[in-house]
Amino acid sequence: MGTVSPYHSFDTSAYQYMYNLPPISHRFESGYMHLSYYFYLNGFTYEAFRIVSYALFSITMAIGILQLTPNIVGFYSLYLIFPFFLDVTQVRQFFMFSLVICGVGLLSTNNKFFRYIGIFSILISPLFQTSGLVYYLLFILIKVDYKKILKIMDYLIWILPIVTFVIHYGNLNRIFSKALELVLSSRSNGAESVNLYTQGSSFSIVIFYILSISISYYMFRKMIVKLENYAENKKKLLTIVFFIGILFIPLLASSSDFERFIRNSIFIFILTFSIYISQVKIIGSTEWTKGWVGLLCVLILITTSWRYWDTSVTGRNQFLPYIIKVKNPNKLE
C-alpha cells in the first residue's frame, strides 16, 4: 500500500504531484490536507508520508476488525483479494473507511470509554473523504432492530436497482448534481468533482456492480441470522453498515465512481463470512462446502465487476503485477 508506483496508479501520481499543497488550497478534505502538509513541512518525502500514513490507518482498521471477528487470518486472506487492490490506490477512501470500521468495532464493545472513541472515530471520518458523512446514519439506525433492517433490505435490493435505471434513462442526474454542489462547495475543485460524479455511467459496469451487491446481500443475510454466540449489537452494527451501502445504489446512475458505497458493503459481507466460517465446526461438511463454493463464485463475480482481469486503459490487470511487485514498479515496460 505504501509503495505503489506513481507510474502504475493514476491516483498515486496525482497525490504525489499535489503533496506540497497547503490546507488553505482546499484541494482535498481538511483532515487529509493537514496530515499530508504536516509531513511535507517536516521534510518527509511523499513516499515516506504514504508508508507512515497507510501504516497508521491499517492499524486503525485492524483495531476495529479485532473487535468484530475471531477469524483474523480468514478475514485478511479474503480482504487481500478484495477490496485491497482498490484501497491501495484510493487513499482518502481507505483512510475514511478505516476510521468507520474502527468506530464500529469499538462501538460493539461493552467499554463505555471505547464506545466514545468509536463515536469520535466515525465523526471524524468525513475529514478524510466526504462520503464518510453517510455513516452518520449509523447513529440513527442503531436504535432499530437489525432484523427489521434486513426485512427492509429484502425489498430495497429489488426496488433500488429499478430506481437506478429510471434515473439513468430518465436523465435525472441534474437533481443529484444540485445536491452534490452543496456537499462539495468547500473544495477548490468542487465544480470539477460535481461534473465527474454526475457524468452518468456505463450501464454494463453498473449491472455488474448491482449483481455483485445483490448476491453478496443474499449470502450476508443467510449468514448474519445464523451466527451463534455472536453479540446482537455486533450483528446490528454490521447490518447497518451493509444497509447504508445498499441505500446508495441509485447513485450509480450518476457515476460508477459511487461503487465505493457498494464496495464497503461487500467489505462487511467478507467480514461476516470470516465470522460465519469460523463457527462451522466440521471442515468439509456440507455447510462448510456450500459457504466456500458460494464465496468463490461471488469473488469471481466481484473481481470481474471491478475489472481485475481487464487490460484496457481503465482496467486493473495492467497495474496489479506492479502493485504486488511481480514486475519492477520502478520502470515502465
C-alpha atoms as a PDB file:
ATOM      1  CA  MET A   1       0.000   0.000   0.000  1.00  0.00           C
ATOM      2  CA  GLY A   2       2.729   2.409   0.926  1.00  0.00           C
ATOM      3  CA  THR A   3       4.953   1.729  -2.072  1.00  0.00           C
ATOM      4  CA  VAL A   4       2.562   1.826  -5.006  1.00  0.00           C
ATOM      5  CA  SER A   5       4.390   3.195  -8.033  1.00  0.00           C
ATOM      6  CA  PRO A   6       3.052   6.524  -9.381  1.00  0.00           C
ATOM      7  CA  TYR A   7       3.772   5.117 -12.855  1.00  0.00           C
ATOM      8  CA  HIS A   8       1.138   2.446 -12.327  1.00  0.00           C
ATOM      9  CA  SER A   9      -1.588   4.292 -10.432  1.00  0.00           C
ATOM     10  CA  PHE A  10      -3.372   7.400 -11.644  1.00  0.00           C
ATOM     11  CA  ASP A  11      -4.415   8.363  -8.105  1.00  0.00           C
ATOM     12  CA  THR A  12      -0.917   7.906  -6.678  1.00  0.00           C
ATOM     13  CA  SER A  13       0.692  10.151  -9.271  1.00  0.00           C
ATOM     14  CA  ALA A  14      -1.959  12.837  -8.583  1.00  0.00           C
ATOM     15  CA  TYR A  15      -1.446  12.681  -4.813  1.00  0.00           C
ATOM     16  CA  GLN A  16       2.328  12.856  -5.245  1.00  0.00           C
ATOM     17  CA  TYR A  17       2.029  15.851  -7.564  1.00  0.00           C
ATOM     18  CA  MET A  18      -0.138  17.745  -5.060  1.00  0.00           C
ATOM     19  CA  TYR A  19       1.777  16.700  -1.930  1.00  0.00           C
ATOM     20  CA  ASN A  20       3.113  20.230  -1.306  1.00  0.00           C
ATOM     21  CA  LEU A  21      -0.293  21.929  -1.379  1.00  0.00           C
ATOM     22  CA  PRO A  22      -1.219  23.663   1.921  1.00  0.00           C
ATOM     23  CA  PRO A  23      -4.606  23.073   3.615  1.00  0.00           C
ATOM     24  CA  ILE A  24      -5.718  26.559   2.576  1.00  0.00           C
ATOM     25  CA  SER A  25      -5.829  25.303  -1.020  1.00  0.00           C
ATOM     26  CA  HIS A  26      -8.835  23.098  -0.068  1.00  0.00           C
ATOM     27  CA  ARG A  27      -7.833  20.636  -2.788  1.00  0.00           C
ATOM     28  CA  PHE A  28      -8.922  17.700  -0.654  1.00  0.00           C
ATOM     29  CA  GLU A  29     -10.734  17.301   2.659  1.00  0.00           C
ATOM     30  CA  SER A  30      -9.145  19.160   5.580  1.00  0.00           C
ATOM     31  CA  GLY A  31      -8.091  16.077   7.553  1.00  0.00           C
ATOM     32  CA  TYR A  32      -6.074  14.678   4.680  1.00  0.00           C
ATOM     33  CA  MET A  33      -4.648  18.103   3.785  1.00  0.00           C
ATOM     34  CA  HIS A  34      -3.450  18.860   7.322  1.00  0.00           C
ATOM     35  CA  LEU A  35      -1.951  15.393   7.721  1.00  0.00           C
ATOM     36  CA  SER A  36      -0.054  15.432   4.424  1.00  0.00           C
ATOM     37  CA  TYR A  37       1.095  19.056   4.818  1.00  0.00           C
ATOM     38  CA  TYR A  38       2.436  18.320   8.305  1.00  0.00           C
ATOM     39  CA  PHE A  39       4.626  15.593   6.851  1.00  0.00           C
ATOM     40  CA  TYR A  40       5.652  17.836   3.955  1.00  0.00           C
ATOM     41  CA  LEU A  41       6.681  20.709   6.265  1.00  0.00           C
ATOM     42  CA  ASN A  42       8.753  18.328   8.385  1.00  0.00           C
ATOM     43  CA  GLY A  43      10.817  17.187   5.427  1.00  0.00           C
ATOM     44  CA  PHE A  44       9.230  13.807   4.698  1.00  0.00           C
ATOM     45  CA  THR A  45       9.155  12.683   1.089  1.00  0.00           C
ATOM     46  CA  TYR A  46       5.782  11.722  -0.347  1.00  0.00           C
ATOM     47  CA  GLU A  47       6.865   8.059  -0.288  1.00  0.00           C
ATOM     48  CA  ALA A  48       7.658   8.272   3.444  1.00  0.00           C
ATOM     49  CA  PHE A  49       4.371  10.037   4.174  1.00  0.00           C
ATOM     50  CA  ARG A  50       2.464   7.392   2.254  1.00  0.00           C
ATOM     51  CA  ILE A  51       4.095   4.473   4.085  1.00  0.00           C
ATOM     52  CA  VAL A  52       3.585   6.023   7.531  1.00  0.00           C
ATOM     53  CA  SER A  53       0.001   7.145   6.876  1.00  0.00           C
ATOM     54  CA  TYR A  54      -1.050   3.791   5.407  1.00  0.00           C
ATOM     55  CA  ALA A  55       0.543   2.012   8.360  1.00  0.00           C
ATOM     56  CA  LEU A  56      -1.358   4.288  10.754  1.00  0.00           C
ATOM     57  CA  PHE A  57      -4.741   3.713   9.114  1.00  0.00           C
ATOM     58  CA  SER A  58      -4.127  -0.020   8.588  1.00  0.00           C
ATOM     59  CA  ILE A  59      -3.640  -0.268  12.353  1.00  0.00           C
ATOM     60  CA  THR A  60      -6.756   1.856  12.855  1.00  0.00           C
ATOM     61  CA  MET A  61      -8.791  -0.559  10.732  1.00  0.00           C
ATOM     62  CA  ALA A  62      -7.259  -3.571  12.498  1.00  0.00           C
ATOM     63  CA  ILE A  63      -8.423  -2.241  15.881  1.00  0.00           C
ATOM     64  CA  GLY A  64     -11.999  -2.461  14.638  1.00  0.00           C
ATOM     65  CA  ILE A  65     -11.521  -5.808  12.912  1.00  0.00           C
ATOM     66  CA  LEU A  66     -10.108  -7.356  16.096  1.00  0.00           C
ATOM     67  CA  GLN A  67     -13.321  -6.437  17.916  1.00  0.00           C
ATOM     68  CA  LEU A  68     -15.605  -7.839  15.224  1.00  0.00           C
ATOM     69  CA  THR A  69     -14.201 -11.200  14.116  1.00  0.00           C
ATOM     70  CA  PRO A  70     -12.338 -14.028  15.852  1.00  0.00           C
ATOM     71  CA  ASN A  71     -11.091 -15.190  12.438  1.00  0.00           C
ATOM     72  CA  ILE A  72      -8.406 -12.597  11.706  1.00  0.00           C
ATOM     73  CA  VAL A  73      -6.444 -14.775   9.267  1.00  0.00           C
ATOM     74  CA  GLY A  74      -9.639 -15.678   7.405  1.00  0.00           C
ATOM     75  CA  PHE A  75     -10.698 -12.054   7.081  1.00  0.00           C
ATOM     76  CA  TYR A  76      -7.372 -10.683   5.890  1.00  0.00           C
ATOM     77  CA  SER A  77      -6.865 -13.581   3.467  1.00  0.00           C
ATOM     78  CA  LEU A  78     -10.099 -12.544   1.758  1.00  0.00           C
ATOM     79  CA  TYR A  79      -9.522  -8.800   2.144  1.00  0.00           C
ATOM     80  CA  LEU A  80      -6.183  -9.115   0.329  1.00  0.00           C
ATOM     81  CA  ILE A  81      -8.158 -10.326  -2.703  1.00  0.00           C
ATOM     82  CA  PHE A  82     -10.886  -7.701  -2.465  1.00  0.00           C
ATOM     83  CA  PRO A  83     -11.038  -4.755  -1.869  1.00  0.00           C
ATOM     84  CA  PHE A  84      -7.323  -4.465  -1.081  1.00  0.00           C
ATOM     85  CA  PHE A  85      -6.317  -3.693  -4.680  1.00  0.00           C
ATOM     86  CA  LEU A  86      -8.671  -0.726  -4.727  1.00  0.00           C
ATOM     87  CA  ASP A  87      -7.672   0.517  -1.274  1.00  0.00           C
ATOM     88  CA  VAL A  88      -4.007   0.626  -2.295  1.00  0.00           C
ATOM     89  CA  THR A  89      -4.747   3.458  -4.714  1.00  0.00           C
ATOM     90  CA  GLN A  90      -7.810   5.230  -3.296  1.00  0.00           C
ATOM     91  CA  VAL A  91      -6.011   6.771  -0.333  1.00  0.00           C
ATOM     92  CA  ARG A  92      -8.680   9.002   1.208  1.00  0.00           C
ATOM     93  CA  GLN A  93     -11.390   6.377   0.766  1.00  0.00           C
ATOM     94  CA  PHE A  94      -9.256   3.866   2.674  1.00  0.00           C
ATOM     95  CA  PHE A  95      -8.449   6.355   5.447  1.00  0.00           C
ATOM     96  CA  MET A  96     -12.125   7.255   5.829  1.00  0.00           C
ATOM     97  CA  PHE A  97     -13.435   3.701   5.921  1.00  0.00           C
ATOM     98  CA  SER A  98     -10.658   2.605   8.294  1.00  0.00           C
ATOM     99  CA  LEU A  99     -11.994   5.158  10.777  1.00  0.00           C
ATOM    100  CA  VAL A 100     -15.553   3.889  10.240  1.00  0.00           C
ATOM    101  CA  ILE A 101     -14.563   0.250  10.819  1.00  0.00           C
ATOM    102  CA  CYS A 102     -12.519   1.212  13.873  1.00  0.00           C
ATOM    103  CA  GLY A 103     -15.525   3.119  15.187  1.00  0.00           C
ATOM    104  CA  VAL A 104     -17.925   0.238  14.526  1.00  0.00           C
ATOM    105  CA  GLY A 105     -15.597  -2.201  16.283  1.00  0.00           C
ATOM    106  CA  LEU A 106     -15.235   0.000  19.349  1.00  0.00           C
ATOM    107  CA  LEU A 107     -18.972   0.704  19.460  1.00  0.00           C
ATOM    108  CA  SER A 108     -19.541  -3.056  19.686  1.00  0.00           C
ATOM    109  CA  THR A 109     -17.616  -3.330  22.973  1.00  0.00           C
ATOM    110  CA  ASN A 110     -19.021  -3.059  26.486  1.00  0.00           C
ATOM    111  CA  ASN A 111     -16.440  -0.467  27.471  1.00  0.00           C
ATOM    112  CA  LYS A 112     -18.020   2.990  27.721  1.00  0.00           C
ATOM    113  CA  PHE A 113     -14.731   4.806  27.067  1.00  0.00           C
ATOM    114  CA  PHE A 114     -14.064   2.716  23.938  1.00  0.00           C
ATOM    115  CA  ARG A 115     -17.580   3.432  22.668  1.00  0.00           C
ATOM    116  CA  TYR A 116     -16.960   7.166  22.952  1.00  0.00           C
ATOM    117  CA  ILE A 117     -13.750   6.752  20.970  1.00  0.00           C
ATOM    118  CA  GLY A 118     -15.734   4.754  18.404  1.00  0.00           C
ATOM    119  CA  ILE A 119     -18.253   7.564  18.017  1.00  0.00           C
ATOM    120  CA  PHE A 120     -15.423  10.077  17.632  1.00  0.00           C
ATOM    121  CA  SER A 121     -13.723   7.875  15.027  1.00  0.00           C
ATOM    122  CA  ILE A 122     -16.855   7.786  12.871  1.00  0.00           C
ATOM    123  CA  LEU A 123     -17.492  11.509  13.349  1.00  0.00           C
ATOM    124  CA  ILE A 124     -14.046  12.495  12.019  1.00  0.00           C
ATOM    125  CA  SER A 125     -14.107  10.098   9.048  1.00  0.00           C
ATOM    126  CA  PRO A 126     -15.509  12.764   6.630  1.00  0.00           C
ATOM    127  CA  LEU A 127     -12.369  14.845   7.286  1.00  0.00           C
ATOM    128  CA  PHE A 128     -10.563  12.392   5.006  1.00  0.00           C
ATOM    129  CA  GLN A 129     -13.311  11.598   2.499  1.00  0.00           C
ATOM    130  CA  THR A 130     -16.615  13.479   2.371  1.00  0.00           C
ATOM    131  CA  SER A 131     -18.541  10.252   1.747  1.00  0.00           C
ATOM    132  CA  GLY A 132     -17.910   9.409   5.409  1.00  0.00           C
ATOM    133  CA  LEU A 133     -20.908  11.649   6.167  1.00  0.00           C
ATOM    134  CA  VAL A 134     -23.287   8.865   5.115  1.00  0.00           C
ATOM    135  CA  TYR A 135     -22.090   6.719   8.022  1.00  0.00           C
ATOM    136  CA  TYR A 136     -23.593   9.239  10.430  1.00  0.00           C
ATOM    137  CA  LEU A 137     -26.792   7.336   9.625  1.00  0.00           C
ATOM    138  CA  LEU A 138     -25.421   4.643  11.899  1.00  0.00           C
ATOM    139  CA  PHE A 139     -26.212   6.788  14.950  1.00  0.00           C
ATOM    140  CA  ILE A 140     -29.883   6.905  13.916  1.00  0.00           C
ATOM    141  CA  LEU A 141     -30.292   3.324  12.721  1.00  0.00           C
ATOM    142  CA  ILE A 142     -28.607   1.840  15.785  1.00  0.00           C
ATOM    143  CA  LYS A 143     -31.952   2.187  17.583  1.00  0.00           C
ATOM    144  CA  VAL A 144     -33.636  -0.159  15.073  1.00  0.00           C
ATOM    145  CA  ASP A 145     -33.643  -3.944  15.434  1.00  0.00           C
ATOM    146  CA  TYR A 146     -31.314  -5.465  12.836  1.00  0.00           C
ATOM    147  CA  LYS A 147     -33.948  -7.989  11.714  1.00  0.00           C
ATOM    148  CA  LYS A 148     -36.239  -5.109  10.740  1.00  0.00           C
ATOM    149  CA  ILE A 149     -33.397  -3.609   8.732  1.00  0.00           C
ATOM    150  CA  LEU A 150     -32.915  -6.947   6.986  1.00  0.00           C
ATOM    151  CA  LYS A 151     -36.612  -7.024   6.062  1.00  0.00           C
ATOM    152  CA  ILE A 152     -36.340  -3.523   4.608  1.00  0.00           C
ATOM    153  CA  MET A 153     -33.296  -4.597   2.577  1.00  0.00           C
ATOM    154  CA  ASP A 154     -35.258  -7.557   1.236  1.00  0.00           C
ATOM    155  CA  TYR A 155     -37.376  -5.015  -0.653  1.00  0.00           C
ATOM    156  CA  LEU A 156     -34.735  -2.372  -1.372  1.00  0.00           C
ATOM    157  CA  ILE A 157     -32.373  -4.838  -3.036  1.00  0.00           C
ATOM    158  CA  TRP A 158     -35.001  -5.125  -5.803  1.00  0.00           C
ATOM    159  CA  ILE A 159     -36.514  -1.632  -5.742  1.00  0.00           C
ATOM    160  CA  LEU A 160     -33.346   0.480  -5.786  1.00  0.00           C
ATOM    161  CA  PRO A 161     -31.830  -1.091  -8.938  1.00  0.00           C
ATOM    162  CA  ILE A 162     -35.107  -0.239 -10.713  1.00  0.00           C
ATOM    163  CA  VAL A 163     -34.839   3.332  -9.394  1.00  0.00           C
ATOM    164  CA  THR A 164     -31.270   3.426 -10.710  1.00  0.00           C
ATOM    165  CA  PHE A 165     -32.428   2.542 -14.211  1.00  0.00           C
ATOM    166  CA  VAL A 166     -35.223   5.144 -14.058  1.00  0.00           C
ATOM    167  CA  ILE A 167     -32.762   7.878 -13.036  1.00  0.00           C
ATOM    168  CA  HIS A 168     -30.315   6.892 -15.752  1.00  0.00           C
ATOM    169  CA  TYR A 169     -32.762   6.603 -18.636  1.00  0.00           C
ATOM    170  CA  GLY A 170     -34.908   9.481 -17.369  1.00  0.00           C
ATOM    171  CA  ASN A 171     -31.864  11.767 -17.438  1.00  0.00           C
ATOM    172  CA  LEU A 172     -32.497  12.886 -13.851  1.00  0.00           C
ATOM    173  CA  ASN A 173     -28.858  13.429 -12.891  1.00  0.00           C
ATOM    174  CA  ARG A 174     -29.363  17.188 -12.725  1.00  0.00           C
ATOM    175  CA  ILE A 175     -31.316  16.817  -9.487  1.00  0.00           C
ATOM    176  CA  PHE A 176     -28.441  14.969  -7.910  1.00  0.00           C
ATOM    177  CA  SER A 177     -25.837  17.434  -9.184  1.00  0.00           C
ATOM    178  CA  LYS A 178     -27.534  20.272  -7.258  1.00  0.00           C
ATOM    179  CA  ALA A 179     -27.295  18.329  -4.003  1.00  0.00           C
ATOM    180  CA  LEU A 180     -23.683  17.385  -4.694  1.00  0.00           C
ATOM    181  CA  GLU A 181     -22.757  21.025  -5.282  1.00  0.00           C
ATOM    182  CA  LEU A 182     -23.731  21.787  -1.685  1.00  0.00           C
ATOM    183  CA  VAL A 183     -21.708  18.884  -0.271  1.00  0.00           C
ATOM    184  CA  LEU A 184     -18.535  19.715  -2.243  1.00  0.00           C
ATOM    185  CA  SER A 185     -18.789  23.514  -2.069  1.00  0.00           C
ATOM    186  CA  SER A 186     -15.858  23.752   0.380  1.00  0.00           C
ATOM    187  CA  ARG A 187     -13.380  22.104  -2.002  1.00  0.00           C
ATOM    188  CA  SER A 188     -11.407  24.138  -4.529  1.00  0.00           C
ATOM    189  CA  ASN A 189     -12.189  21.588  -7.242  1.00  0.00           C
ATOM    190  CA  GLY A 190     -15.848  21.301  -6.267  1.00  0.00           C
ATOM    191  CA  ALA A 191     -17.203  22.107  -9.740  1.00  0.00           C
ATOM    192  CA  GLU A 192     -14.804  19.617 -11.313  1.00  0.00           C
ATOM    193  CA  SER A 193     -15.887  16.907  -8.865  1.00  0.00           C
ATOM    194  CA  VAL A 194     -19.579  17.610  -9.498  1.00  0.00           C
ATOM    195  CA  ASN A 195     -19.001  17.166 -13.238  1.00  0.00           C
ATOM    196  CA  LEU A 196     -17.106  13.931 -12.594  1.00  0.00           C
ATOM    197  CA  TYR A 197     -19.769  12.443 -10.335  1.00  0.00           C
ATOM    198  CA  THR A 198     -22.755  13.400 -12.477  1.00  0.00           C
ATOM    199  CA  GLN A 199     -21.485  12.398 -15.909  1.00  0.00           C
ATOM    200  CA  GLY A 200     -23.534   9.216 -16.000  1.00  0.00           C
ATOM    201  CA  SER A 201     -22.379   5.610 -16.049  1.00  0.00           C
ATOM    202  CA  SER A 202     -21.701   2.807 -18.427  1.00  0.00           C
ATOM    203  CA  PHE A 203     -24.551   0.504 -17.516  1.00  0.00           C
ATOM    204  CA  SER A 204     -22.640  -2.610 -18.456  1.00  0.00           C
ATOM    205  CA  ILE A 205     -20.429  -1.813 -15.438  1.00  0.00           C
ATOM    206  CA  VAL A 206     -23.336  -0.781 -13.221  1.00  0.00           C
ATOM    207  CA  ILE A 207     -25.190  -4.039 -13.893  1.00  0.00           C
ATOM    208  CA  PHE A 208     -22.139  -5.988 -12.694  1.00  0.00           C
ATOM    209  CA  TYR A 209     -21.932  -3.852  -9.549  1.00  0.00           C
ATOM    210  CA  ILE A 210     -25.617  -4.406  -8.814  1.00  0.00           C
ATOM    211  CA  LEU A 211     -25.317  -8.154  -9.369  1.00  0.00           C
ATOM    212  CA  SER A 212     -22.317  -8.247  -7.028  1.00  0.00           C
ATOM    213  CA  ILE A 213     -24.056  -6.431  -4.187  1.00  0.00           C
ATOM    214  CA  SER A 214     -27.313  -8.380  -4.681  1.00  0.00           C
ATOM    215  CA  ILE A 215     -25.661 -11.796  -4.429  1.00  0.00           C
ATOM    216  CA  SER A 216     -23.458 -10.592  -1.582  1.00  0.00           C
ATOM    217  CA  TYR A 217     -26.580  -9.475   0.263  1.00  0.00           C
ATOM    218  CA  TYR A 218     -28.246 -12.855  -0.247  1.00  0.00           C
ATOM    219  CA  MET A 219     -25.251 -14.616   1.344  1.00  0.00           C
ATOM    220  CA  PHE A 220     -24.818 -11.950   4.025  1.00  0.00           C
ATOM    221  CA  ARG A 221     -28.451 -12.319   5.083  1.00  0.00           C
ATOM    222  CA  LYS A 222     -28.205 -16.093   5.333  1.00  0.00           C
ATOM    223  CA  MET A 223     -25.049 -15.866   7.450  1.00  0.00           C
ATOM    224  CA  ILE A 224     -25.864 -12.999   9.827  1.00  0.00           C
ATOM    225  CA  VAL A 225     -29.014 -14.677  11.182  1.00  0.00           C
ATOM    226  CA  LYS A 226     -27.168 -17.987  11.663  1.00  0.00           C
ATOM    227  CA  LEU A 227     -24.311 -16.602  13.727  1.00  0.00           C
ATOM    228  CA  GLU A 228     -24.252 -18.329  17.098  1.00  0.00           C
ATOM    229  CA  ASN A 229     -22.658 -16.923  20.244  1.00  0.00           C
ATOM    230  CA  TYR A 230     -22.188 -13.612  18.455  1.00  0.00           C
ATOM    231  CA  ALA A 231     -23.409 -10.476  20.194  1.00  0.00           C
ATOM    232  CA  GLU A 232     -26.661  -8.967  18.926  1.00  0.00           C
ATOM    233  CA  ASN A 233     -25.201  -5.451  18.954  1.00  0.00           C
ATOM    234  CA  LYS A 234     -22.404  -6.613  16.637  1.00  0.00           C
ATOM    235  CA  LYS A 235     -24.928  -8.175  14.253  1.00  0.00           C
ATOM    236  CA  LYS A 236     -26.826  -4.893  14.286  1.00  0.00           C
ATOM    237  CA  LEU A 237     -23.741  -2.768  13.557  1.00  0.00           C
ATOM    238  CA  LEU A 238     -22.621  -4.987  10.657  1.00  0.00           C
ATOM    239  CA  THR A 239     -26.145  -4.990   9.230  1.00  0.00           C
ATOM    240  CA  ILE A 240     -26.393  -1.199   9.429  1.00  0.00           C
ATOM    241  CA  VAL A 241     -23.101  -0.603   7.593  1.00  0.00           C
ATOM    242  CA  PHE A 242     -24.167  -3.067   4.900  1.00  0.00           C
ATOM    243  CA  PHE A 243     -27.573  -1.349   4.694  1.00  0.00           C
ATOM    244  CA  ILE A 244     -26.014   2.103   4.199  1.00  0.00           C
ATOM    245  CA  GLY A 245     -24.229   0.836   1.092  1.00  0.00           C
ATOM    246  CA  ILE A 246     -27.497  -0.562  -0.275  1.00  0.00           C
ATOM    247  CA  LEU A 247     -29.202   2.816   0.152  1.00  0.00           C
ATOM    248  CA  PHE A 248     -26.792   4.455  -2.280  1.00  0.00           C
ATOM    249  CA  ILE A 249     -27.230   2.055  -5.199  1.00  0.00           C
ATOM    250  CA  PRO A 250     -29.176   4.760  -7.161  1.00  0.00           C
ATOM    251  CA  LEU A 251     -26.055   6.957  -7.193  1.00  0.00           C
ATOM    252  CA  LEU A 252     -24.578   4.516  -9.695  1.00  0.00           C
ATOM    253  CA  ALA A 253     -26.891   6.092 -12.263  1.00  0.00           C
ATOM    254  CA  SER A 254     -24.952   9.319 -11.810  1.00  0.00           C
ATOM    255  CA  SER A 255     -21.449   7.843 -11.866  1.00  0.00           C
ATOM    256  CA  SER A 256     -19.903   4.412 -11.494  1.00  0.00           C
ATOM    257  CA  ASP A 257     -17.373   6.053  -9.135  1.00  0.00           C
ATOM    258  CA  PHE A 258     -20.022   5.689  -6.434  1.00  0.00           C
ATOM    259  CA  GLU A 259     -19.200   1.985  -6.406  1.00  0.00           C
ATOM    260  CA  ARG A 260     -17.277   2.738  -3.195  1.00  0.00           C
ATOM    261  CA  PHE A 261     -20.518   2.549  -1.169  1.00  0.00           C
ATOM    262  CA  ILE A 262     -21.274  -0.846  -2.714  1.00  0.00           C
ATOM    263  CA  ARG A 263     -17.691  -1.935  -2.104  1.00  0.00           C
ATOM    264  CA  ASN A 264     -17.904  -1.016   1.585  1.00  0.00           C
ATOM    265  CA  SER A 265     -20.956  -3.258   1.951  1.00  0.00           C
ATOM    266  CA  ILE A 266     -19.085  -6.114   0.264  1.00  0.00           C
ATOM    267  CA  PHE A 267     -16.289  -5.491   2.784  1.00  0.00           C
ATOM    268  CA  ILE A 268     -18.863  -6.143   5.528  1.00  0.00           C
ATOM    269  CA  PHE A 269     -20.009  -9.292   3.703  1.00  0.00           C
ATOM    270  CA  ILE A 270     -16.412 -10.598   3.677  1.00  0.00           C
ATOM    271  CA  LEU A 271     -16.032  -9.739   7.358  1.00  0.00           C
ATOM    272  CA  THR A 272     -19.278 -11.558   8.167  1.00  0.00           C
ATOM    273  CA  PHE A 273     -18.165 -14.596   6.155  1.00  0.00           C
ATOM    274  CA  SER A 274     -14.956 -14.804   8.214  1.00  0.00           C
ATOM    275  CA  ILE A 275     -17.073 -14.888  11.390  1.00  0.00           C
ATOM    276  CA  TYR A 276     -19.539 -17.400   9.974  1.00  0.00           C
ATOM    277  CA  ILE A 277     -16.976 -19.860   8.626  1.00  0.00           C
ATOM    278  CA  SER A 278     -15.104 -19.835  11.950  1.00  0.00           C
ATOM    279  CA  GLN A 279     -18.257 -21.209  13.585  1.00  0.00           C
ATOM    280  CA  VAL A 280     -18.601 -24.131  11.191  1.00  0.00           C
ATOM    281  CA  LYS A 281     -17.105 -26.859  13.316  1.00  0.00           C
ATOM    282  CA  ILE A 282     -16.502 -29.594  10.743  1.00  0.00           C
ATOM    283  CA  ILE A 283     -14.203 -28.764   7.839  1.00  0.00           C
ATOM    284  CA  GLY A 284     -15.536 -30.482   4.730  1.00  0.00           C
ATOM    285  CA  SER A 285     -19.115 -30.606   5.989  1.00  0.00           C
ATOM    286  CA  THR A 286     -21.977 -29.687   3.654  1.00  0.00           C
ATOM    287  CA  GLU A 287     -22.382 -26.284   5.323  1.00  0.00           C
ATOM    288  CA  TRP A 288     -18.629 -25.582   5.100  1.00  0.00           C
ATOM    289  CA  THR A 289     -18.517 -26.590   1.424  1.00  0.00           C
ATOM    290  CA  LYS A 290     -21.576 -24.517   0.495  1.00  0.00           C
ATOM    291  CA  GLY A 291     -20.081 -21.499   2.209  1.00  0.00           C
ATOM    292  CA  TRP A 292     -16.752 -21.654   0.388  1.00  0.00           C
ATOM    293  CA  VAL A 293     -18.241 -22.540  -3.002  1.00  0.00           C
ATOM    294  CA  GLY A 294     -20.668 -19.634  -2.675  1.00  0.00           C
ATOM    295  CA  LEU A 295     -17.878 -17.267  -1.675  1.00  0.00           C
ATOM    296  CA  LEU A 296     -15.696 -18.389  -4.578  1.00  0.00           C
ATOM    297  CA  CYS A 297     -18.491 -17.667  -7.054  1.00  0.00           C
ATOM    298  CA  VAL A 298     -19.062 -14.228  -5.516  1.00  0.00           C
ATOM    299  CA  LEU A 299     -15.326 -13.422  -5.603  1.00  0.00           C
ATOM    300  CA  ILE A 300     -15.142 -14.335  -9.285  1.00  0.00           C
ATOM    301  CA  LEU A 301     -18.091 -12.031  -9.994  1.00  0.00           C
ATOM    302  CA  ILE A 302     -16.723  -9.213  -7.829  1.00  0.00           C
ATOM    303  CA  THR A 303     -13.201  -9.242  -9.246  1.00  0.00           C
ATOM    304  CA  THR A 304     -14.661  -9.310 -12.760  1.00  0.00           C
ATOM    305  CA  SER A 305     -17.013  -6.426 -11.921  1.00  0.00           C
ATOM    306  CA  TRP A 306     -14.155  -4.333 -10.611  1.00  0.00           C
ATOM    307  CA  ARG A 307     -12.089  -5.177 -13.717  1.00  0.00           C
ATOM    308  CA  TYR A 308      -9.283  -7.123 -12.066  1.00  0.00           C
ATOM    309  CA  TRP A 309      -8.765  -9.053 -15.301  1.00  0.00           C
ATOM    310  CA  ASP A 310      -9.356  -6.167 -17.717  1.00  0.00           C
ATOM    311  CA  THR A 311      -6.264  -4.968 -19.619  1.00  0.00           C
ATOM    312  CA  SER A 312      -7.935  -1.827 -21.035  1.00  0.00           C
ATOM    313  CA  VAL A 313      -6.903   1.699 -20.033  1.00  0.00           C
ATOM    314  CA  THR A 314      -9.311   1.687 -17.079  1.00  0.00           C
ATOM    315  CA  GLY A 315      -8.775  -1.986 -16.182  1.00  0.00           C
ATOM    316  CA  ARG A 316      -6.674  -3.063 -13.213  1.00  0.00           C
ATOM    317  CA  ASN A 317      -4.898  -6.022 -14.759  1.00  0.00           C
ATOM    318  CA  GLN A 318      -2.201  -3.789 -16.207  1.00  0.00           C
ATOM    319  CA  PHE A 319      -1.360  -2.438 -12.708  1.00  0.00           C
ATOM    320  CA  LEU A 320      -1.691  -5.494 -10.454  1.00  0.00           C
ATOM    321  CA  PRO A 321       1.694  -7.090 -11.306  1.00  0.00           C
ATOM    322  CA  TYR A 322       3.423  -3.826 -10.363  1.00  0.00           C
ATOM    323  CA  ILE A 323       1.439  -3.318  -7.164  1.00  0.00           C
ATOM    324  CA  ILE A 324       2.360  -6.764  -5.837  1.00  0.00           C
ATOM    325  CA  LYS A 325       5.930  -6.344  -7.176  1.00  0.00           C
ATOM    326  CA  VAL A 326       5.852  -9.297  -9.569  1.00  0.00           C
ATOM    327  CA  LYS A 327       7.138  -6.766 -12.095  1.00  0.00           C
ATOM    328  CA  ASN A 328       9.591  -3.978 -11.344  1.00  0.00           C
ATOM    329  CA  PRO A 329       7.439  -0.936 -10.415  1.00  0.00           C
ATOM    330  CA  ASN A 330      10.337   1.490 -10.836  1.00  0.00           C
ATOM    331  CA  LYS A 331      10.392   1.326 -14.606  1.00  0.00           C
ATOM    332  CA  LEU A 332       7.921   1.371 -17.444  1.00  0.00           C
ATOM    333  CA  GLU A 333       7.712  -1.736 -19.605  1.00  0.00           C
END
